Amino acid sequence: MIQLGTIVKIVDNSGIVFGQCIKVLNTSKSRLAYCGDMILISVKWISKRRFKFIKSRLQKRNSRGTIHRAMLIRQLFPYKRSQGIFITFNENSVILVNRLLVPLSNRVWGPILKELCIRTPSLGCLIRNTI
C-alpha cells in the first residue's frame, strides 16, 4: 500500500533512485495504491554515477524536484493471488511510465508479478524474471 508521502525506489535505468509519492491516480475514493496502480512522484535523490551517462536533454527532464508518473510494481504489503498464496517484497518500487502505461526506460531491475505482465504487455517485454 502506498499513500501520500511514501518514499519509493525507482528501479529502471533513468538515473533516479528515490522519489516521494505526491498523489495516487486513477482512484476515486481510495487514497491507497496497490501493485499496478499509477502514482505521481517527485524526484528526491539521483544517482550521479548512472546520471552522467544520460543525454543532457534527459538530465534536465529527470533532475531533482521534477514530477513524473509512475507505476507501482513491488510493495511491502502482501499481494494475494487467486490460489490463496501471499507474495510480499522487501521494498516499495516503481517504474516511470507515460500516460499510456508505456515505460520510459528500456530496462527494469528485479522481479515483477506475472499479473502485471499480463495486464500491461509493454511492461512484460522489458523484464527478465517474473514471479
C-alpha atoms as a PDB file:
ATOM      1  CA  MET A   1       0.000   0.000   0.000  1.00  0.00           C
ATOM      2  CA  ILE A   2       1.325   3.379  -0.985  1.00  0.00           C
ATOM      3  CA  GLN A   3      -0.134   6.613   0.301  1.00  0.00           C
ATOM      4  CA  LEU A   4       0.759  10.288   0.214  1.00  0.00           C
ATOM      5  CA  GLY A   5       4.328  10.962   1.321  1.00  0.00           C
ATOM      6  CA  THR A   6       5.651   7.409   0.943  1.00  0.00           C
ATOM      7  CA  ILE A   7       9.265   7.159  -0.239  1.00  0.00           C
ATOM      8  CA  VAL A   8       9.574   4.715  -3.162  1.00  0.00           C
ATOM      9  CA  LYS A   9      12.554   3.280  -5.041  1.00  0.00           C
ATOM     10  CA  ILE A  10      12.741   3.718  -8.820  1.00  0.00           C
ATOM     11  CA  VAL A  11      14.062   0.506 -10.408  1.00  0.00           C
ATOM     12  CA  ASP A  12      14.628   1.469 -14.045  1.00  0.00           C
ATOM     13  CA  ASN A  13      17.663   2.957 -15.780  1.00  0.00           C
ATOM     14  CA  SER A  14      16.513   6.597 -15.711  1.00  0.00           C
ATOM     15  CA  GLY A  15      19.180   7.559 -13.148  1.00  0.00           C
ATOM     16  CA  ILE A  16      16.640   8.423 -10.452  1.00  0.00           C
ATOM     17  CA  VAL A  17      16.984   6.428  -7.233  1.00  0.00           C
ATOM     18  CA  PHE A  18      14.300   7.625  -4.793  1.00  0.00           C
ATOM     19  CA  GLY A  19      11.055   9.551  -5.137  1.00  0.00           C
ATOM     20  CA  GLN A  20       8.183  10.609  -2.935  1.00  0.00           C
ATOM     21  CA  CYS A  21       4.531   9.895  -3.704  1.00  0.00           C
ATOM     22  CA  ILE A  22       2.538  13.092  -4.286  1.00  0.00           C
ATOM     23  CA  LYS A  23      -0.810  11.697  -5.459  1.00  0.00           C
ATOM     24  CA  VAL A  24      -2.497   8.387  -6.188  1.00  0.00           C
ATOM     25  CA  LEU A  25      -4.027   8.441  -9.680  1.00  0.00           C
ATOM     26  CA  ASN A  26      -6.981   6.565 -11.233  1.00  0.00           C
ATOM     27  CA  THR A  27      -8.833   6.061  -7.958  1.00  0.00           C
ATOM     28  CA  SER A  28     -11.939   7.955  -6.925  1.00  0.00           C
ATOM     29  CA  LYS A  29     -12.236   7.427  -3.181  1.00  0.00           C
ATOM     30  CA  SER A  30      -9.240   5.359  -2.139  1.00  0.00           C
ATOM     31  CA  ARG A  31      -6.053   7.157  -1.173  1.00  0.00           C
ATOM     32  CA  LEU A  32      -4.034   3.942  -1.297  1.00  0.00           C
ATOM     33  CA  ALA A  33      -2.188   2.471  -4.285  1.00  0.00           C
ATOM     34  CA  TYR A  34      -1.563  -1.233  -4.811  1.00  0.00           C
ATOM     35  CA  CYS A  35       0.508  -3.172  -7.379  1.00  0.00           C
ATOM     36  CA  GLY A  36      -0.260  -1.947 -10.899  1.00  0.00           C
ATOM     37  CA  ASP A  37      -1.684   1.442  -9.838  1.00  0.00           C
ATOM     38  CA  MET A  38      -0.444   4.799 -11.116  1.00  0.00           C
ATOM     39  CA  ILE A  39       1.012   7.439  -8.798  1.00  0.00           C
ATOM     40  CA  LEU A  40       2.622  10.857  -9.203  1.00  0.00           C
ATOM     41  CA  ILE A  41       6.114  11.098  -7.734  1.00  0.00           C
ATOM     42  CA  SER A  42       8.551  13.894  -7.044  1.00  0.00           C
ATOM     43  CA  VAL A  43      12.240  13.100  -7.567  1.00  0.00           C
ATOM     44  CA  LYS A  44      14.175  13.176  -4.289  1.00  0.00           C
ATOM     45  CA  TRP A  45      17.563  11.577  -4.998  1.00  0.00           C
ATOM     46  CA  ILE A  46      19.566  10.947  -8.185  1.00  0.00           C
ATOM     47  CA  SER A  47      22.465   8.538  -8.715  1.00  0.00           C
ATOM     48  CA  LYS A  48      25.350  10.622 -10.059  1.00  0.00           C
ATOM     49  CA  ARG A  49      27.139   7.512 -11.310  1.00  0.00           C
ATOM     50  CA  ARG A  50      24.210   6.473 -13.550  1.00  0.00           C
ATOM     51  CA  PHE A  51      23.100  10.036 -14.286  1.00  0.00           C
ATOM     52  CA  LYS A  52      26.318  11.084 -16.057  1.00  0.00           C
ATOM     53  CA  PHE A  53      25.723   8.546 -18.868  1.00  0.00           C
ATOM     54  CA  ILE A  54      22.318  10.043 -19.748  1.00  0.00           C
ATOM     55  CA  LYS A  55      21.917  12.612 -22.538  1.00  0.00           C
ATOM     56  CA  SER A  56      21.821  16.253 -21.448  1.00  0.00           C
ATOM     57  CA  ARG A  57      18.219  16.827 -22.580  1.00  0.00           C
ATOM     58  CA  LEU A  58      17.109  13.896 -20.422  1.00  0.00           C
ATOM     59  CA  GLN A  59      19.174  15.111 -17.460  1.00  0.00           C
ATOM     60  CA  LYS A  60      17.085  18.286 -17.320  1.00  0.00           C
ATOM     61  CA  ARG A  61      13.890  16.256 -17.515  1.00  0.00           C
ATOM     62  CA  ASN A  62      14.926  13.914 -14.679  1.00  0.00           C
ATOM     63  CA  SER A  63      16.529  16.420 -12.311  1.00  0.00           C
ATOM     64  CA  ARG A  64      15.710  16.729  -8.619  1.00  0.00           C
ATOM     65  CA  GLY A  65      12.242  18.109  -7.857  1.00  0.00           C
ATOM     66  CA  THR A  66      10.605  17.177 -11.153  1.00  0.00           C
ATOM     67  CA  ILE A  67       7.256  15.370 -11.210  1.00  0.00           C
ATOM     68  CA  HIS A  68       6.671  12.085 -13.060  1.00  0.00           C
ATOM     69  CA  ARG A  69       4.008   9.411 -13.473  1.00  0.00           C
ATOM     70  CA  ALA A  70       4.985   6.033 -12.101  1.00  0.00           C
ATOM     71  CA  MET A  71       3.529   2.539 -11.869  1.00  0.00           C
ATOM     72  CA  LEU A  72       3.845   0.582  -8.647  1.00  0.00           C
ATOM     73  CA  ILE A  73       5.389  -2.835  -9.362  1.00  0.00           C
ATOM     74  CA  ARG A  74       6.511  -4.058  -5.893  1.00  0.00           C
ATOM     75  CA  GLN A  75       5.122  -3.304  -2.445  1.00  0.00           C
ATOM     76  CA  LEU A  76       5.709  -4.281   1.166  1.00  0.00           C
ATOM     77  CA  PHE A  77       2.016  -5.060   1.655  1.00  0.00           C
ATOM     78  CA  PRO A  78       1.215  -8.751   0.900  1.00  0.00           C
ATOM     79  CA  TYR A  79      -0.321  -9.405  -2.525  1.00  0.00           C
ATOM     80  CA  LYS A  80      -2.889 -12.242  -2.637  1.00  0.00           C
ATOM     81  CA  ARG A  81      -3.190 -14.496  -5.652  1.00  0.00           C
ATOM     82  CA  SER A  82      -6.320 -16.427  -6.588  1.00  0.00           C
ATOM     83  CA  GLN A  83      -4.933 -19.718  -5.210  1.00  0.00           C
ATOM     84  CA  GLY A  84      -4.585 -18.189  -1.732  1.00  0.00           C
ATOM     85  CA  ILE A  85      -0.829 -17.575  -1.961  1.00  0.00           C
ATOM     86  CA  PHE A  86       0.509 -14.342  -0.468  1.00  0.00           C
ATOM     87  CA  ILE A  87       3.519 -12.634  -2.070  1.00  0.00           C
ATOM     88  CA  THR A  88       5.413  -9.803  -0.397  1.00  0.00           C
ATOM     89  CA  PHE A  89       8.535  -7.887  -1.411  1.00  0.00           C
ATOM     90  CA  ASN A  90      11.267  -6.132   0.563  1.00  0.00           C
ATOM     91  CA  GLU A  91      10.714  -2.638  -0.835  1.00  0.00           C
ATOM     92  CA  ASN A  92       8.215  -0.298  -2.462  1.00  0.00           C
ATOM     93  CA  SER A  93       9.352   0.016  -6.083  1.00  0.00           C
ATOM     94  CA  VAL A  94       8.062   1.912  -9.110  1.00  0.00           C
ATOM     95  CA  ILE A  95       8.995   2.478 -12.746  1.00  0.00           C
ATOM     96  CA  LEU A  96       8.462   5.683 -14.713  1.00  0.00           C
ATOM     97  CA  VAL A  97       5.708   5.475 -17.342  1.00  0.00           C
ATOM     98  CA  ASN A  98       3.794   7.821 -19.632  1.00  0.00           C
ATOM     99  CA  ARG A  99       0.013   8.291 -19.834  1.00  0.00           C
ATOM    100  CA  LEU A 100      -0.413   5.130 -21.949  1.00  0.00           C
ATOM    101  CA  LEU A 101       1.427   2.950 -19.365  1.00  0.00           C
ATOM    102  CA  VAL A 102       4.465   2.560 -21.639  1.00  0.00           C
ATOM    103  CA  PRO A 103       7.733   2.572 -19.635  1.00  0.00           C
ATOM    104  CA  LEU A 104      10.069   5.498 -20.318  1.00  0.00           C
ATOM    105  CA  SER A 105      13.191   3.366 -19.869  1.00  0.00           C
ATOM    106  CA  ASN A 106      14.381   0.209 -21.548  1.00  0.00           C
ATOM    107  CA  ARG A 107      15.434  -1.838 -18.502  1.00  0.00           C
ATOM    108  CA  VAL A 108      13.795  -2.831 -15.228  1.00  0.00           C
ATOM    109  CA  TRP A 109      15.735  -4.376 -12.334  1.00  0.00           C
ATOM    110  CA  GLY A 110      14.276  -7.095 -10.149  1.00  0.00           C
ATOM    111  CA  PRO A 111      11.256  -9.393 -10.346  1.00  0.00           C
ATOM    112  CA  ILE A 112       7.723  -8.354 -11.293  1.00  0.00           C
ATOM    113  CA  LEU A 113       4.399 -10.102 -10.710  1.00  0.00           C
ATOM    114  CA  LYS A 114       3.168 -12.054 -13.729  1.00  0.00           C
ATOM    115  CA  GLU A 115      -0.295 -10.482 -13.275  1.00  0.00           C
ATOM    116  CA  LEU A 116       1.261  -7.099 -14.125  1.00  0.00           C
ATOM    117  CA  CYS A 117       2.910  -8.530 -17.247  1.00  0.00           C
ATOM    118  CA  ILE A 118      -0.448  -9.825 -18.461  1.00  0.00           C
ATOM    119  CA  ARG A 119      -2.227  -6.541 -17.669  1.00  0.00           C
ATOM    120  CA  THR A 120       0.412  -4.321 -19.357  1.00  0.00           C
ATOM    121  CA  PRO A 121       2.205  -6.147 -22.210  1.00  0.00           C
ATOM    122  CA  SER A 122       4.615  -3.245 -22.812  1.00  0.00           C
ATOM    123  CA  LEU A 123       5.999  -3.831 -19.320  1.00  0.00           C
ATOM    124  CA  GLY A 124       6.179  -7.584 -19.792  1.00  0.00           C
ATOM    125  CA  CYS A 125       8.614  -7.355 -22.707  1.00  0.00           C
ATOM    126  CA  LEU A 126      11.182  -5.393 -20.630  1.00  0.00           C
ATOM    127  CA  ILE A 127      11.689  -7.726 -17.727  1.00  0.00           C
ATOM    128  CA  ARG A 128      13.683 -10.911 -17.389  1.00  0.00           C
ATOM    129  CA  ASN A 129      12.156 -12.577 -14.337  1.00  0.00           C
ATOM    130  CA  THR A 130       8.573 -12.828 -13.184  1.00  0.00           C
ATOM    131  CA  ILE A 131       7.059 -14.258 -10.033  1.00  0.00           C
END
